[in-house]
Amino acid sequence: MVGNISDRILSIRLKELEEQKIIQRTAFDDIPVRIEYTLTAKGEALNEVIDAIERWGTEWLPEPEEGATQQACPPQKIS
């Protein structure tokens, strides 16, 4: 499990990003098999957008209360 994301959901999200050509998956024949994901040029192009959203959130969204857990909205399928 990574953070609050189950292995199954993480796998689904990574496959979606790969299908959209945002990340590239590379499998290595190590034992156990090792998988690496890297951003493609399309994924790298999202950095400016993500940085802008982060700046906006820092400026406009309230700080979470101490002890509160942050929950994201369920992602929507990209068409």
Protein backbone atom coordinates (compact mmCIF):
# COMPACT_ATOMS: atom_id res chain seq x y z
CA MET A 1 0.00 0.00 0.00
CA VAL A 2 1.24 3.47 -0.87
CA GLY A 3 -0.13 6.13 1.47
CA ASN A 4 -3.88 5.60 1.72
CA ILE A 5 -4.10 3.95 -1.71
CA SER A 6 -4.50 0.19 -1.97
CA ASP A 7 -2.24 -1.73 -4.35
CA ARG A 8 -5.24 -2.50 -6.58
CA ILE A 9 -6.32 1.15 -6.93
CA LEU A 10 -2.72 2.27 -7.46
CA SER A 11 -2.35 -0.30 -10.25
CA ILE A 12 -5.57 0.89 -11.92
CA ARG A 13 -4.49 4.55 -11.75
CA LEU A 14 -1.02 3.79 -13.13
CA LYS A 15 -2.57 1.86 -16.05
CA GLU A 16 -4.86 4.80 -16.79
CA LEU A 17 -1.91 7.21 -16.80
CA GLU A 18 0.03 4.84 -19.05
CA GLU A 19 -2.91 4.56 -21.48
CA GLN A 20 -3.04 8.36 -21.64
CA LYS A 21 0.72 8.44 -22.40
CA ILE A 22 1.41 10.49 -19.26
CA ILE A 23 3.77 7.89 -17.79
CA GLN A 24 5.91 5.13 -19.26
CA ARG A 25 6.22 1.74 -17.58
CA THR A 26 9.50 -0.18 -17.69
CA ALA A 27 9.78 -3.73 -16.33
CA PHE A 28 13.14 -5.19 -15.31
CA ASP A 29 13.87 -8.92 -15.17
CA ASP A 30 15.11 -8.74 -11.60
CA ILE A 31 13.93 -11.16 -8.95
CA PRO A 32 11.50 -10.03 -7.78
CA VAL A 33 10.47 -8.18 -10.94
CA ARG A 34 11.10 -4.46 -10.64
CA ILE A 35 8.84 -1.90 -12.32
CA GLU A 36 9.74 1.76 -12.86
CA TYR A 37 7.43 4.52 -14.01
CA THR A 38 8.70 7.73 -15.57
CA LEU A 39 6.94 10.79 -16.88
CA THR A 40 6.69 11.13 -20.64
CA ALA A 41 7.01 14.51 -22.35
CA LYS A 42 3.23 14.77 -22.07
CA GLY A 43 3.48 14.08 -18.33
CA GLU A 44 6.30 16.59 -17.88
CA ALA A 45 4.13 19.20 -19.60
CA LEU A 46 1.68 18.86 -16.69
CA ASN A 47 4.24 20.16 -14.18
CA GLU A 48 3.33 23.81 -14.78
CA VAL A 49 -0.37 23.06 -14.39
CA ILE A 50 0.15 21.08 -11.18
CA ASP A 51 2.42 23.80 -9.77
CA ALA A 52 -0.24 26.43 -10.56
CA ILE A 53 -2.92 24.37 -8.80
CA GLU A 54 -0.65 23.96 -5.78
CA ARG A 55 0.00 27.73 -5.61
CA TRP A 56 -3.72 28.42 -5.89
CA GLY A 57 -4.52 25.91 -3.13
CA THR A 58 -1.85 27.33 -0.85
CA GLU A 59 -3.28 30.82 -1.28
CA TRP A 60 -7.00 30.10 -1.24
CA LEU A 61 -7.71 26.91 0.69
CA PRO A 62 -7.73 26.83 4.49
CA GLU A 63 -5.16 24.79 6.34
CA PRO A 64 -6.60 21.45 7.50
CA GLU A 65 -7.38 21.23 11.19
CA GLU A 66 -4.84 19.34 13.27
CA GLY A 67 -5.62 15.63 13.24
CA ALA A 68 -7.97 15.93 10.25
CA THR A 69 -7.43 13.55 7.38
CA GLN A 70 -7.45 14.81 3.82
CA GLN A 71 -9.62 12.92 1.39
CA ALA A 72 -9.50 13.47 -2.34
CA CYS A 73 -12.53 13.30 -4.57
CA PRO A 74 -12.67 10.07 -6.56
CA PRO A 75 -10.88 10.60 -9.89
CA GLN A 76 -12.92 10.65 -13.07
CA LYS A 77 -12.02 8.58 -16.14
CA ILE A 78 -10.19 10.70 -18.73
CA SER A 79 -11.81 10.40 -22.13
